[in-house]
N, C-alpha and C. Protein backbone atom coordinates (compact mmCIF):
# COMPACT_ATOMS: atom_id res chain seq x y z
N MET A 1 1.02 -1.25 0.13
CA MET A 1 0.18 0.05 -0.12
C MET A 1 0.74 1.33 -0.20
N PRO A 2 0.56 2.20 -0.78
CA PRO A 2 1.41 3.37 -0.89
C PRO A 2 1.24 4.09 0.64
N ALA A 3 2.51 4.62 0.75
CA ALA A 3 2.54 5.54 2.09
C ALA A 3 1.53 6.65 2.45
N ASP A 4 1.06 7.27 1.23
CA ASP A 4 0.28 8.23 1.36
C ASP A 4 -1.08 7.77 1.77
N VAL A 5 -1.56 6.49 1.28
CA VAL A 5 -2.72 5.91 1.51
C VAL A 5 -2.83 5.50 2.99
N ALA A 6 -1.65 4.74 3.21
CA ALA A 6 -1.48 4.12 4.66
C ALA A 6 -1.65 5.06 5.64
N SER A 7 -1.14 6.30 5.54
CA SER A 7 -1.23 7.50 6.64
C SER A 7 -2.66 8.14 6.50
N ALA A 8 -3.40 8.00 5.32
CA ALA A 8 -4.57 8.60 5.27
C ALA A 8 -5.69 8.27 6.30
N PRO A 9 -6.52 9.21 6.72
CA PRO A 9 -7.58 8.83 7.87
C PRO A 9 -8.19 7.62 7.59
N ALA A 10 -8.62 6.69 8.53
CA ALA A 10 -9.18 5.60 8.30
C ALA A 10 -10.70 5.86 8.46
N TRP A 11 -11.71 5.31 7.74
CA TRP A 11 -13.01 5.30 7.72
C TRP A 11 -13.66 3.64 8.07
N ILE A 12 -14.10 3.45 9.03
CA ILE A 12 -14.35 2.05 9.47
C ILE A 12 -15.81 1.80 9.63
N PHE A 13 -16.22 0.66 9.20
CA PHE A 13 -17.58 -0.16 9.18
C PHE A 13 -17.24 -1.63 9.60
N ARG A 14 -18.06 -1.82 10.66
CA ARG A 14 -18.21 -3.24 11.26
C ARG A 14 -19.53 -3.86 10.92
N TYR A 15 -19.42 -5.16 10.52
CA TYR A 15 -20.63 -5.69 10.20
C TYR A 15 -20.66 -7.00 11.61
N ASN A 16 -21.67 -6.93 12.23
CA ASN A 16 -21.75 -7.58 13.36
C ASN A 16 -23.25 -8.71 13.30
N ALA A 17 -23.21 -9.73 12.97
CA ALA A 17 -24.47 -10.51 12.84
C ALA A 17 -24.02 -11.95 13.26
N PRO A 18 -24.93 -12.80 13.65
CA PRO A 18 -24.62 -14.20 13.74
C PRO A 18 -24.10 -14.90 12.64
N GLY A 19 -22.75 -15.72 13.16
CA GLY A 19 -22.28 -16.15 12.16
C GLY A 19 -21.14 -15.11 11.08
N ARG A 20 -21.40 -13.96 11.31
CA ARG A 20 -20.75 -13.05 10.42
C ARG A 20 -20.18 -11.87 11.50
N LEU A 21 -18.67 -11.70 11.26
CA LEU A 21 -18.16 -10.57 11.83
C LEU A 21 -17.04 -10.19 10.97
N GLU A 22 -17.46 -9.01 10.44
CA GLU A 22 -16.28 -8.45 9.55
C GLU A 22 -16.03 -6.86 9.99
N THR A 23 -14.66 -6.54 9.84
CA THR A 23 -14.50 -5.03 9.92
C THR A 23 -13.82 -4.67 8.73
N TRP A 24 -14.42 -3.46 8.16
CA TRP A 24 -13.74 -2.96 6.72
C TRP A 24 -13.27 -1.76 7.18
N THR A 25 -12.01 -1.51 6.85
CA THR A 25 -11.18 -0.02 7.07
C THR A 25 -10.75 0.41 5.63
N LEU A 26 -11.40 1.62 5.39
CA LEU A 26 -11.22 2.29 4.10
C LEU A 26 -10.25 3.49 4.40
N ARG A 27 -9.12 3.43 3.48
CA ARG A 27 -8.36 4.61 3.34
C ARG A 27 -8.24 5.09 1.99
N TYR A 28 -8.19 6.19 1.85
CA TYR A 28 -7.84 6.66 0.35
C TYR A 28 -7.16 8.22 0.39
N HIS A 29 -6.47 8.32 -0.49
CA HIS A 29 -5.66 9.56 -0.74
C HIS A 29 -5.38 9.90 -2.43
N GLY A 30 -5.91 11.07 -2.64
CA GLY A 30 -5.85 11.34 -3.99
C GLY A 30 -6.56 10.40 -5.13
N ASP A 31 -5.97 9.74 -5.93
CA ASP A 31 -6.62 8.48 -6.84
C ASP A 31 -6.44 7.35 -6.38
N VAL A 32 -6.06 6.92 -5.13
CA VAL A 32 -5.62 5.64 -4.84
C VAL A 32 -6.60 5.40 -3.62
N ALA A 33 -7.04 4.15 -3.26
CA ALA A 33 -7.67 3.77 -2.23
C ALA A 33 -7.42 2.16 -1.75
N ALA A 34 -7.43 2.00 -0.69
CA ALA A 34 -7.26 0.72 -0.17
C ALA A 34 -8.55 0.27 0.92
N ILE A 35 -8.94 -0.89 0.96
CA ILE A 35 -9.86 -1.34 1.98
C ILE A 35 -9.30 -2.88 2.27
N ASP A 36 -9.07 -2.92 3.59
CA ASP A 36 -8.92 -4.07 4.46
C ASP A 36 -10.06 -4.60 5.07
N VAL A 37 -10.36 -5.88 4.83
CA VAL A 37 -11.65 -6.71 5.28
C VAL A 37 -11.07 -7.75 6.19
N GLU A 38 -11.39 -7.31 7.49
CA GLU A 38 -10.97 -8.55 8.59
C GLU A 38 -11.94 -9.12 8.85
N SER A 39 -12.06 -10.77 8.91
CA SER A 39 -12.91 -11.49 9.49
C SER A 39 -12.27 -12.73 10.31
N GLN A 40 -12.88 -13.70 10.53
CA GLN A 40 -12.55 -14.72 11.38
C GLN A 40 -11.76 -15.48 10.54
N THR A 41 -11.71 -15.50 9.31
CA THR A 41 -10.88 -16.29 8.29
C THR A 41 -9.66 -15.80 7.89
N GLY A 42 -9.30 -14.31 8.36
CA GLY A 42 -8.13 -13.50 7.75
C GLY A 42 -8.49 -12.26 7.47
N THR A 43 -7.47 -11.46 6.87
CA THR A 43 -7.71 -10.16 6.21
C THR A 43 -7.53 -10.25 4.94
N ILE A 44 -8.35 -9.60 4.06
CA ILE A 44 -8.28 -9.34 2.47
C ILE A 44 -7.78 -8.16 2.37
N HIS A 45 -6.63 -7.63 1.49
CA HIS A 45 -6.36 -6.34 1.21
C HIS A 45 -6.55 -6.01 -0.13
N TYR A 46 -7.47 -5.14 -0.15
CA TYR A 46 -8.00 -4.66 -1.49
C TYR A 46 -7.25 -3.21 -2.01
N LEU A 47 -6.89 -3.21 -3.09
CA LEU A 47 -6.10 -1.92 -3.61
C LEU A 47 -6.45 -1.39 -4.96
N GLY A 48 -6.57 -0.14 -5.20
CA GLY A 48 -6.98 0.32 -6.46
C GLY A 48 -7.28 1.79 -6.64
N SER A 49 -8.26 2.17 -7.37
CA SER A 49 -8.47 3.39 -7.70
C SER A 49 -9.58 4.18 -6.89
N ALA A 50 -9.64 5.56 -6.58
CA ALA A 50 -10.56 6.36 -6.21
C ALA A 50 -10.88 7.60 -6.91
N THR A 51 -11.98 7.95 -7.19
CA THR A 51 -12.38 9.21 -8.07
C THR A 51 -13.23 9.69 -7.09
N ASP A 52 -12.93 10.99 -6.46
CA ASP A 52 -13.85 11.63 -5.63
C ASP A 52 -14.23 12.79 -6.35
N GLY A 53 -15.90 12.92 -6.39
CA GLY A 53 -16.51 13.92 -7.02
C GLY A 53 -18.01 13.99 -6.23
N ALA A 54 -19.15 13.99 -6.87
CA ALA A 54 -20.05 13.98 -6.17
C ALA A 54 -20.39 12.96 -5.41
N SER A 55 -19.57 11.72 -5.64
CA SER A 55 -19.39 10.50 -4.72
C SER A 55 -18.24 9.89 -5.01
N LEU A 56 -17.83 9.07 -3.96
CA LEU A 56 -16.24 8.59 -3.87
C LEU A 56 -16.54 7.20 -4.57
N VAL A 57 -16.14 6.91 -5.83
CA VAL A 57 -16.21 5.71 -6.59
C VAL A 57 -15.06 4.93 -6.38
N LEU A 58 -14.96 3.81 -5.90
CA LEU A 58 -13.82 2.76 -5.75
C LEU A 58 -13.82 1.67 -6.74
N ALA A 59 -12.84 1.30 -7.32
CA ALA A 59 -12.62 0.07 -8.14
C ALA A 59 -11.19 -0.48 -7.57
N LEU A 60 -11.51 -1.50 -6.70
CA LEU A 60 -10.28 -2.06 -6.01
C LEU A 60 -10.26 -3.67 -6.31
N SER A 61 -9.18 -4.34 -6.10
CA SER A 61 -8.89 -5.89 -6.42
C SER A 61 -7.95 -6.26 -5.18
N ALA A 62 -8.23 -7.64 -4.94
CA ALA A 62 -7.34 -8.45 -4.25
C ALA A 62 -6.90 -9.69 -4.97
N GLY A 63 -5.87 -9.70 -5.96
CA GLY A 63 -5.66 -10.89 -6.56
C GLY A 63 -6.70 -10.86 -7.70
N ASN A 64 -7.73 -11.95 -7.90
CA ASN A 64 -8.74 -12.03 -8.84
C ASN A 64 -10.00 -11.58 -8.28
N ALA A 65 -9.93 -11.30 -7.01
CA ALA A 65 -11.32 -10.69 -6.40
C ALA A 65 -11.53 -9.21 -6.60
N ARG A 66 -12.66 -8.80 -7.10
CA ARG A 66 -12.99 -7.27 -7.20
C ARG A 66 -13.98 -6.74 -6.50
N LEU A 67 -13.61 -5.54 -6.02
CA LEU A 67 -14.59 -4.92 -5.35
C LEU A 67 -14.91 -3.47 -6.09
N SER A 68 -16.16 -3.21 -6.09
CA SER A 68 -16.64 -1.87 -6.72
C SER A 68 -17.65 -1.23 -5.69
N LEU A 69 -17.39 0.01 -5.23
CA LEU A 69 -18.24 0.76 -4.37
C LEU A 69 -18.50 2.05 -4.77
N GLU A 70 -19.61 2.46 -4.71
CA GLU A 70 -19.91 3.78 -4.87
C GLU A 70 -20.38 4.55 -3.46
N CYS A 71 -19.53 5.51 -2.85
CA CYS A 71 -19.71 6.09 -1.51
C CYS A 71 -20.31 7.63 -1.64
N LYS A 72 -21.41 7.62 -0.65
CA LYS A 72 -21.86 9.00 -0.83
C LYS A 72 -21.45 9.83 0.35
N HIS A 73 -20.95 11.00 0.45
CA HIS A 73 -20.95 11.79 1.63
C HIS A 73 -22.26 12.21 2.44
N GLU A 74 -22.75 11.60 3.37
CA GLU A 74 -23.91 11.74 4.13
C GLU A 74 -24.15 11.98 5.56
N GLN A 75 -25.05 12.42 5.96
CA GLN A 75 -25.11 12.52 7.22
C GLN A 75 -26.32 11.33 7.81
N ARG A 76 -25.97 10.35 8.73
CA ARG A 76 -26.96 9.60 9.11
C ARG A 76 -27.16 9.44 10.70
N ALA A 77 -27.92 8.99 11.26
CA ALA A 77 -28.47 8.95 12.58
C ALA A 77 -27.59 7.62 13.15
N VAL A 78 -26.69 7.89 14.18
CA VAL A 78 -25.85 6.71 14.55
C VAL A 78 -25.78 6.93 16.07
N GLY A 79 -26.25 5.91 16.86
CA GLY A 79 -26.20 6.01 18.30
C GLY A 79 -25.06 5.88 18.95
N ALA A 80 -24.91 6.11 20.35
CA ALA A 80 -23.66 5.90 21.03
C ALA A 80 -23.63 4.52 21.26
N ALA A 81 -24.84 3.79 21.28
CA ALA A 81 -24.84 2.52 21.54
C ALA A 81 -25.94 1.76 20.96
N CYS A 82 -25.87 0.50 20.54
CA CYS A 82 -27.04 -0.01 19.78
C CYS A 82 -28.51 0.32 20.77
N GLY A 83 -29.56 0.52 19.85
CA GLY A 83 -30.93 0.94 20.56
C GLY A 83 -30.91 2.44 20.91
N ASP A 84 -29.94 3.28 21.01
CA ASP A 84 -29.94 4.65 21.33
C ASP A 84 -31.18 5.11 21.03
N LYS A 85 -31.88 5.90 21.80
CA LYS A 85 -33.17 6.65 21.20
C LYS A 85 -32.92 7.98 20.87
N LYS A 86 -31.84 8.48 20.87
CA LYS A 86 -31.44 9.73 20.67
C LYS A 86 -30.15 9.94 19.84
N PRO A 87 -30.27 9.11 18.74
CA PRO A 87 -28.79 9.18 17.94
C PRO A 87 -28.60 10.67 17.07
N SER A 88 -27.40 10.63 17.19
CA SER A 88 -26.78 11.86 16.41
C SER A 88 -26.56 11.92 15.16
N LYS A 89 -26.50 13.13 14.50
CA LYS A 89 -26.27 12.95 12.81
C LYS A 89 -24.69 12.88 12.90
N GLU A 90 -24.27 11.93 11.99
CA GLU A 90 -22.92 11.69 11.95
C GLU A 90 -22.44 11.83 10.41
N ASP A 91 -21.06 12.48 10.25
CA ASP A 91 -20.70 12.46 8.76
C ASP A 91 -20.36 11.15 8.49
N VAL A 92 -20.75 10.30 7.24
CA VAL A 92 -20.47 9.04 6.86
C VAL A 92 -20.12 9.04 5.44
N LEU A 93 -19.40 7.96 5.01
CA LEU A 93 -19.25 7.68 3.71
C LEU A 93 -20.36 6.37 3.70
N ALA A 94 -21.47 6.43 3.04
CA ALA A 94 -22.44 5.46 2.74
C ALA A 94 -22.18 4.68 1.60
N CYS A 95 -21.49 3.75 1.76
CA CYS A 95 -20.73 2.97 0.13
C CYS A 95 -21.76 1.98 0.05
N TYR A 96 -22.22 1.97 -1.27
CA TYR A 96 -23.13 1.05 -1.98
C TYR A 96 -22.26 0.08 -2.64
N HIS A 97 -22.79 -1.22 -2.25
CA HIS A 97 -22.30 -2.36 -3.20
C HIS A 97 -23.43 -2.71 -4.17
N PRO A 98 -23.08 -3.45 -5.38
CA PRO A 98 -24.12 -3.51 -6.42
C PRO A 98 -25.04 -4.56 -5.83
N ASP A 99 -24.47 -5.42 -4.85
CA ASP A 99 -25.36 -6.78 -4.80
C ASP A 99 -26.23 -6.37 -3.16
N PHE A 100 -26.07 -5.17 -2.75
CA PHE A 100 -26.93 -4.88 -1.56
C PHE A 100 -27.76 -3.57 -1.53
N LYS A 101 -28.88 -3.71 -1.15
CA LYS A 101 -29.77 -2.48 -1.20
C LYS A 101 -29.40 -1.50 -0.16
N GLU A 102 -28.91 -1.63 1.03
CA GLU A 102 -28.55 -0.96 2.05
C GLU A 102 -26.95 -0.78 1.99
N PRO A 103 -26.42 0.58 2.45
CA PRO A 103 -25.29 0.97 2.25
C PRO A 103 -24.35 0.55 3.72
N MET A 104 -23.23 0.51 3.41
CA MET A 104 -22.23 0.40 4.52
C MET A 104 -21.81 1.70 4.94
N PRO A 105 -22.34 2.23 6.09
CA PRO A 105 -21.93 3.68 6.62
C PRO A 105 -20.38 3.54 7.26
N PHE A 106 -19.54 3.88 6.42
CA PHE A 106 -18.32 4.00 7.10
C PHE A 106 -18.09 5.29 7.90
N GLY A 107 -17.59 5.36 8.99
CA GLY A 107 -17.33 6.35 9.80
C GLY A 107 -16.00 6.60 10.29
N PRO A 108 -15.49 7.83 10.64
CA PRO A 108 -14.14 8.00 10.73
C PRO A 108 -13.85 7.17 11.95
N ALA A 109 -12.50 6.73 12.24
CA ALA A 109 -12.12 6.03 13.32
C ALA A 109 -12.47 6.77 14.44
N PRO A 110 -12.98 5.65 15.68
CA PRO A 110 -13.06 4.33 15.51
C PRO A 110 -14.14 3.60 14.81
N GLY A 111 -15.18 4.26 14.16
CA GLY A 111 -15.94 3.88 13.00
C GLY A 111 -17.48 3.44 13.63
N ILE A 112 -18.32 2.84 12.64
CA ILE A 112 -19.73 2.66 12.88
C ILE A 112 -19.91 1.11 12.93
N GLU A 113 -20.68 0.48 13.69
CA GLU A 113 -20.97 -0.87 13.71
C GLU A 113 -22.36 -1.03 13.43
N TYR A 114 -22.87 -2.13 12.67
CA TYR A 114 -23.95 -2.70 12.40
C TYR A 114 -24.37 -3.91 13.27
N LEU A 115 -25.11 -3.86 14.30
CA LEU A 115 -25.29 -4.90 15.08
C LEU A 115 -26.55 -5.80 14.76
N GLN A 116 -26.46 -6.97 14.72
CA GLN A 116 -28.00 -7.71 14.77
C GLN A 116 -27.49 -8.90 15.67
N SER A 117 -28.59 -8.71 16.80
CA SER A 117 -28.29 -9.67 17.84
C SER A 117 -29.97 -9.79 18.30
N ALA A 118 -29.97 -10.72 19.31
CA ALA A 118 -31.46 -10.96 20.02
C ALA A 118 -31.86 -9.75 20.77
N SER A 119 -30.84 -9.06 21.29
CA SER A 119 -31.10 -7.89 21.90
C SER A 119 -31.20 -6.64 21.46
N CYS A 120 -30.82 -6.25 19.99
CA CYS A 120 -30.51 -5.20 19.45
C CYS A 120 -30.41 -5.29 18.16
N THR A 121 -30.75 -4.57 17.04
CA THR A 121 -30.17 -4.43 15.72
C THR A 121 -30.34 -2.99 15.50
N GLY A 122 -29.28 -2.48 14.95
CA GLY A 122 -29.07 -1.20 14.61
C GLY A 122 -27.39 -0.59 14.31
N TYR A 123 -27.42 0.60 13.86
CA TYR A 123 -26.05 1.11 13.91
C TYR A 123 -25.47 1.99 15.07
N HIS A 124 -24.60 1.77 15.30
CA HIS A 124 -24.05 2.41 16.84
C HIS A 124 -22.39 2.66 16.41
N ARG A 125 -21.92 3.89 17.22
CA ARG A 125 -20.40 4.12 17.31
C ARG A 125 -19.83 2.99 17.70
N LEU A 126 -18.58 2.59 17.31
CA LEU A 126 -17.69 1.58 17.80
C LEU A 126 -16.94 2.51 18.99
């Protein structure tokens, strides 16, 4: 990973549901981006291009695996804890994957988690 991308601010999204725990860390600088996806099976390092305009468009790869995301700069309600009744508006990169209707909201480190459990389902700050 290029040094300027490695030292760029981290935007983090964690998906935490039964049978699946993944932490996605996005960094970008200029026209280069990287995403690390950490899971129980290890870490996948994606590297590729970033085009920042009306939205941030990412075209990344890790070997033969390809990842394309369109990320919109948005404000979203994010609680201090899962189930927070008074969430605050947070600046996020709402990244849309072509296979999923809902975006992955990346927040500045420490990031945002989507938690799905028996006691709570929702977004909150890590």
